[in-house]
N, C-alpha and C. Protein backbone atom coordinates (compact mmCIF):
# COMPACT_ATOMS: atom_id res chain seq x y z
N UNK A 1 -43.82 -26.90 -61.55
CA UNK A 1 -42.87 -27.98 -61.38
C UNK A 1 -43.31 -29.16 -62.24
N UNK A 2 -42.35 -29.85 -62.80
CA UNK A 2 -42.60 -30.99 -63.68
C UNK A 2 -43.15 -32.16 -62.89
N UNK A 3 -44.16 -32.81 -63.45
CA UNK A 3 -44.76 -33.98 -62.81
C UNK A 3 -44.55 -35.17 -63.74
N UNK A 4 -43.62 -36.05 -63.36
CA UNK A 4 -43.30 -37.20 -64.19
C UNK A 4 -44.53 -38.08 -64.43
N UNK A 5 -45.30 -38.33 -63.38
CA UNK A 5 -46.47 -39.20 -63.51
C UNK A 5 -47.48 -38.69 -64.52
N UNK A 6 -47.77 -37.40 -64.47
CA UNK A 6 -48.70 -36.82 -65.43
C UNK A 6 -48.15 -36.88 -66.85
N UNK A 7 -46.86 -36.65 -66.96
CA UNK A 7 -46.20 -36.71 -68.27
C UNK A 7 -46.26 -38.12 -68.85
N UNK A 8 -45.97 -39.11 -68.02
CA UNK A 8 -46.03 -40.50 -68.46
C UNK A 8 -47.46 -40.86 -68.87
N UNK A 9 -48.42 -40.46 -68.08
CA UNK A 9 -49.82 -40.75 -68.40
C UNK A 9 -50.22 -40.10 -69.73
N UNK A 10 -49.77 -38.88 -69.97
CA UNK A 10 -50.07 -38.20 -71.23
C UNK A 10 -49.48 -38.97 -72.41
N UNK A 11 -48.23 -39.39 -72.28
CA UNK A 11 -47.60 -40.17 -73.35
C UNK A 11 -48.36 -41.48 -73.59
N UNK A 12 -48.75 -42.13 -72.52
CA UNK A 12 -49.48 -43.39 -72.64
C UNK A 12 -50.84 -43.17 -73.30
N UNK A 13 -51.52 -42.12 -72.92
CA UNK A 13 -52.83 -41.83 -73.50
C UNK A 13 -52.72 -41.44 -74.97
N UNK A 14 -51.63 -40.77 -75.36
CA UNK A 14 -51.41 -40.43 -76.76
C UNK A 14 -51.32 -41.69 -77.62
N UNK A 15 -50.77 -42.75 -77.04
CA UNK A 15 -50.67 -44.04 -77.76
C UNK A 15 -51.94 -44.87 -77.60
N UNK A 16 -52.86 -44.36 -76.77
CA UNK A 16 -54.14 -45.04 -76.55
C UNK A 16 -53.94 -46.47 -76.05
N UNK A 17 -53.10 -46.61 -75.02
CA UNK A 17 -52.85 -47.92 -74.42
C UNK A 17 -53.13 -47.86 -72.91
N UNK A 18 -53.40 -49.01 -72.35
CA UNK A 18 -53.67 -49.09 -70.91
C UNK A 18 -52.35 -49.24 -70.14
N UNK A 19 -52.44 -49.09 -68.83
CA UNK A 19 -51.27 -49.32 -67.99
C UNK A 19 -50.80 -50.76 -68.14
N UNK A 20 -51.74 -51.67 -68.24
CA UNK A 20 -51.39 -53.09 -68.40
C UNK A 20 -50.65 -53.31 -69.71
N UNK A 21 -51.14 -52.72 -70.80
CA UNK A 21 -50.49 -52.89 -72.10
C UNK A 21 -49.08 -52.31 -72.09
N UNK A 22 -48.91 -51.14 -71.46
CA UNK A 22 -47.58 -50.55 -71.38
C UNK A 22 -46.66 -51.44 -70.55
N UNK A 23 -47.14 -51.90 -69.41
CA UNK A 23 -46.33 -52.77 -68.57
C UNK A 23 -45.88 -54.01 -69.31
N UNK A 24 -46.80 -54.63 -70.03
CA UNK A 24 -46.46 -55.84 -70.78
C UNK A 24 -45.44 -55.54 -71.88
N UNK A 25 -45.57 -54.39 -72.50
CA UNK A 25 -44.66 -54.02 -73.60
C UNK A 25 -43.23 -53.82 -73.13
N UNK A 26 -43.07 -53.36 -71.89
CA UNK A 26 -41.71 -53.08 -71.40
C UNK A 26 -41.32 -54.00 -70.25
N UNK A 27 -42.10 -55.06 -70.05
CA UNK A 27 -41.80 -56.09 -69.05
C UNK A 27 -41.82 -55.56 -67.61
N UNK A 28 -42.84 -54.75 -67.31
CA UNK A 28 -43.09 -54.28 -65.95
C UNK A 28 -44.54 -54.59 -65.62
N UNK A 29 -44.86 -54.59 -64.35
CA UNK A 29 -46.26 -54.82 -63.96
C UNK A 29 -47.08 -53.56 -64.19
N UNK A 30 -48.39 -53.74 -64.37
CA UNK A 30 -49.26 -52.58 -64.51
C UNK A 30 -49.24 -51.77 -63.22
N UNK A 31 -49.01 -52.44 -62.09
CA UNK A 31 -48.95 -51.75 -60.81
C UNK A 31 -47.76 -50.79 -60.76
N UNK A 32 -46.64 -51.19 -61.37
CA UNK A 32 -45.48 -50.28 -61.43
C UNK A 32 -45.83 -49.03 -62.23
N UNK A 33 -46.50 -49.22 -63.37
CA UNK A 33 -46.90 -48.08 -64.19
C UNK A 33 -47.86 -47.19 -63.39
N UNK A 34 -48.80 -47.80 -62.71
CA UNK A 34 -49.74 -47.05 -61.89
C UNK A 34 -49.01 -46.25 -60.81
N UNK A 35 -48.04 -46.89 -60.15
CA UNK A 35 -47.27 -46.21 -59.11
C UNK A 35 -46.48 -45.03 -59.66
N UNK A 36 -45.93 -45.16 -60.85
CA UNK A 36 -45.21 -44.05 -61.48
C UNK A 36 -46.18 -42.90 -61.79
N UNK A 37 -47.32 -43.24 -62.36
CA UNK A 37 -48.28 -42.21 -62.75
C UNK A 37 -48.89 -41.49 -61.54
N UNK A 38 -49.07 -42.20 -60.45
CA UNK A 38 -49.63 -41.59 -59.24
C UNK A 38 -48.57 -40.88 -58.39
N UNK A 39 -47.30 -41.08 -58.74
CA UNK A 39 -46.23 -40.44 -57.99
C UNK A 39 -45.82 -41.17 -56.74
N UNK A 40 -46.28 -42.41 -56.58
CA UNK A 40 -45.91 -43.18 -55.40
C UNK A 40 -44.48 -43.68 -55.47
N UNK A 41 -44.01 -43.94 -56.69
CA UNK A 41 -42.64 -44.44 -56.88
C UNK A 41 -42.02 -43.76 -58.09
N UNK A 42 -40.71 -43.75 -58.11
CA UNK A 42 -39.95 -43.26 -59.26
C UNK A 42 -39.41 -44.46 -60.02
N UNK A 43 -39.35 -44.37 -61.34
CA UNK A 43 -38.82 -45.49 -62.12
C UNK A 43 -37.32 -45.64 -61.93
N UNK A 44 -36.87 -46.87 -62.03
CA UNK A 44 -35.43 -47.15 -61.98
C UNK A 44 -34.77 -46.65 -63.27
N UNK A 45 -33.47 -46.66 -63.27
CA UNK A 45 -32.72 -46.28 -64.47
C UNK A 45 -33.11 -47.17 -65.64
N UNK A 46 -33.17 -48.48 -65.41
CA UNK A 46 -33.56 -49.40 -66.47
C UNK A 46 -34.97 -49.13 -66.98
N UNK A 47 -35.90 -48.86 -66.05
CA UNK A 47 -37.28 -48.57 -66.46
C UNK A 47 -37.34 -47.31 -67.30
N UNK A 48 -36.55 -46.30 -66.96
CA UNK A 48 -36.51 -45.07 -67.77
C UNK A 48 -36.05 -45.37 -69.20
N UNK A 49 -35.06 -46.22 -69.32
CA UNK A 49 -34.57 -46.60 -70.65
C UNK A 49 -35.67 -47.32 -71.43
N UNK A 50 -36.33 -48.27 -70.78
CA UNK A 50 -37.41 -49.01 -71.45
C UNK A 50 -38.53 -48.06 -71.88
N UNK A 51 -38.91 -47.14 -71.00
CA UNK A 51 -39.98 -46.20 -71.32
C UNK A 51 -39.59 -45.27 -72.47
N UNK A 52 -38.37 -44.75 -72.41
CA UNK A 52 -37.90 -43.86 -73.48
C UNK A 52 -37.86 -44.59 -74.81
N UNK A 53 -37.37 -45.82 -74.80
CA UNK A 53 -37.34 -46.61 -76.03
C UNK A 53 -38.75 -46.88 -76.55
N UNK A 54 -39.64 -47.24 -75.66
CA UNK A 54 -41.00 -47.57 -76.07
C UNK A 54 -41.69 -46.35 -76.71
N UNK A 55 -41.55 -45.20 -76.08
CA UNK A 55 -42.21 -44.00 -76.58
C UNK A 55 -41.39 -43.27 -77.64
N UNK A 56 -40.19 -43.78 -77.92
CA UNK A 56 -39.30 -43.20 -78.92
C UNK A 56 -39.00 -41.73 -78.62
N UNK A 57 -38.61 -41.50 -77.36
CA UNK A 57 -38.23 -40.16 -76.91
C UNK A 57 -36.90 -40.27 -76.17
N UNK A 58 -36.28 -39.13 -75.93
CA UNK A 58 -35.05 -39.13 -75.14
C UNK A 58 -35.41 -39.24 -73.66
N UNK A 59 -34.47 -39.69 -72.86
CA UNK A 59 -34.69 -39.74 -71.42
C UNK A 59 -34.86 -38.32 -70.88
N UNK A 60 -34.11 -37.37 -71.43
CA UNK A 60 -34.26 -35.98 -70.99
C UNK A 60 -35.69 -35.48 -71.22
N UNK A 61 -36.28 -35.83 -72.33
CA UNK A 61 -37.67 -35.45 -72.58
C UNK A 61 -38.59 -36.17 -71.60
N UNK A 62 -38.35 -37.43 -71.41
CA UNK A 62 -39.19 -38.24 -70.53
C UNK A 62 -39.22 -37.67 -69.11
N UNK A 63 -38.10 -37.16 -68.62
CA UNK A 63 -38.04 -36.65 -67.25
C UNK A 63 -38.18 -35.14 -67.17
N UNK A 64 -38.51 -34.50 -68.28
CA UNK A 64 -38.81 -33.07 -68.26
C UNK A 64 -37.64 -32.13 -68.35
N UNK A 65 -36.48 -32.63 -68.74
CA UNK A 65 -35.29 -31.78 -68.86
C UNK A 65 -35.17 -31.11 -70.21
N UNK A 66 -35.91 -31.60 -71.19
CA UNK A 66 -35.81 -31.06 -72.54
C UNK A 66 -37.21 -31.11 -73.17
N UNK A 67 -37.68 -30.00 -73.75
CA UNK A 67 -39.02 -30.00 -74.34
C UNK A 67 -39.09 -30.73 -75.68
N UNK A 68 -37.93 -31.07 -76.26
CA UNK A 68 -37.91 -31.77 -77.55
C UNK A 68 -37.87 -33.28 -77.33
N UNK A 69 -38.67 -34.00 -78.13
CA UNK A 69 -38.74 -35.45 -77.98
C UNK A 69 -37.50 -36.17 -78.49
N UNK A 70 -36.77 -35.56 -79.42
CA UNK A 70 -35.60 -36.23 -79.98
C UNK A 70 -34.39 -35.32 -79.93
N UNK A 71 -33.27 -35.83 -80.38
CA UNK A 71 -32.01 -35.08 -80.30
C UNK A 71 -31.80 -34.12 -81.46
N UNK A 72 -32.62 -34.20 -82.50
CA UNK A 72 -32.40 -33.34 -83.66
C UNK A 72 -32.83 -31.92 -83.42
């Protein structure tokens, strides 16, 4: 089963940034990022858009619906 938190953490680690840096980049608290990664909370629709834009991936890729990062 797909684990959004692990996937988000992997993307963040690929960019070599902290939870705090990611939160600041997309205007969320580091605690929100931590909660997403630990599975305590799910991101809102707006947060998904910010995350997808930041990582330059599709929302479908971000949530595990598509193995391709882009639409091509």
